[in-house]
Amino acid sequence: MILGVLVLSFTVLFSVLVFIVSSPESKFKRKEEQVVGLPDGSMGWPFIGETFSFLAPHKSNSVGNFLHQHFSRYGKVFKSNLFGVATVVSGDFELNDFVLQNEDKLFQSFYPKSVKDILGQNCMMLVPGDLHKKLRNVALTFINSSKTSPDFLLYVHNLTISFMDSWQTSRHISFANEAKKFTMHIMLKNMLNIEPGDPRATQMLEDHIVYMKGLVSIPINLPGSPYNKALKARTRIQSTIKGIIEEREKNEHLRVDGDFLDQTLSKEECMLTNEEKISLVMDLLLAGYETTAGLLALLLYYLCQTKRPGESLTWNDIQQMEFTHNVIYEALRCGNLVKFVHRKALEDVLPVFTAVHLDPAIHQNPAKFDPLRWNDRSTRKIVNPFGGGMRLCPGTDLAKLEATIFLHQLVLNYRWKMMEEDYPVSYPYLGFKNGLKLELQPLKEPARAATA
């Protein structure tokens, strides 16, 4: 759920040199002479390199044409020019794991300037060393208290019931959108005490959708471009959070016992500047909303595929599939919520490895959704959908908890089927071709909200 989920993918990008290389191919070639064993590949066009091809949408349970062609031609590790940066691309699981496990030793988080400009200089995903540890510790403290909080569990349960009640009239929903609303409301309530009916909740959701689309777009800062819209959306989100912080600092009676902002304001040991607080709230909102919504959509999509037409999924089915682990982990393995992460090498490193996430030599029918494959304990050593190393997802349990509560209620109260053919697409952020439109059939009277 939280930022560490961004390292769950099967592709890791990292600069091959100590310094950030943002030069065209001619400079890369001069640097190449100093690096022994640089992998084969293509640098594409000057400046833009192969970025357009790399970002081309494709089914998320595949590597896409760009990686498929490059893996076939150059192998699982190759050089390229992406986002204006000379880069080595690795689709090798063990190499990727090696990179993640050696954070701040041999490698360091590194993203193109365009991504940094949108996320901000204090973004937990970008900062290294002590600042990353400080931000992560603050986030972990809040997450660990939330996942054991009766109030949090009750809120997620009641919000789930509320959403499902709202489906009683139409029974035709675009679930990809509903999942985003659901997870955004959870995050806003527990981060900033913003309720679903608050106009700020609607604006925050709209801004985050724009923000996410621009995050991985071509960095053309012209009016109307996705990149330009994302920068403006970030400013609006930042302004809203800043306003809430300033209001609570001036009026202590407005503080809400238990929400994230109150914890960071009331505990002196947090030692965060206001800029760091704003950035961390933005980080957690984006990660907790976007990735958990994607997980929910993937779960419903793949569960639709596991039943023959006309059959419903039951709670017994879920228990038999060890739902809380197998189904969630398999949906993440197949769906690939995030396509890539970036790392910079701090010194020349030339390890040689052989394994890969979707390699048919490792997984039988790797493109098939099969939760039972996780009954083999060795699968968890090969596939780590919640990342690894210092940036292991701190919100793993929280994401699984939200998904479990939601799906438990859905299975008890509804049958569902897709209204039209659809599939998850990597843009490279996760989306659905047609929004995952579902037809719902209630199984009984709607469940009622619980009370404390």
Foldseek 3Di string as FASTA:
>chain_A
DFPLLQFQALKAKEAQDQDWALFFPVVVVVVVVVFPPAFADFACDGQAKCAVQCLDKDFLLDLHPVQVVCCVVGNQWHWYQHLSTTIIMGSFQVVSQVQQACDPNFKHFDDDPLLCLLLDPLALSHDDDPSVVLLVVLVLVLLVCLLPDPVLLLVLLQLLLVLVVVCVPPLKDLLLVVLLLSQLQSLCCQAQNDHSVDPVSVLLSVLLVLLVQLSSDNCDCDPPDSSVSNSVSSVVLLVVVLVSLVVCVVPVVPQDPRHSSNVCVVDVVSVDDPVNSSSSSVSRSNRRRQQLSVLLLLLVVQVLVVDDPPDFDAPVNCVVLVNLPLSSQLSLLSRVQHHYGYMYGSHRDDDDDDHGSQDCVVPPVSNHRDSCVVVPVVNCVRRPSQHDHPSRPSNPSVSSSSSVSNVVLDNQFWGKHFPDDKGWMPSPRIAIPVSRIMRIDTPDPRDHRDDD
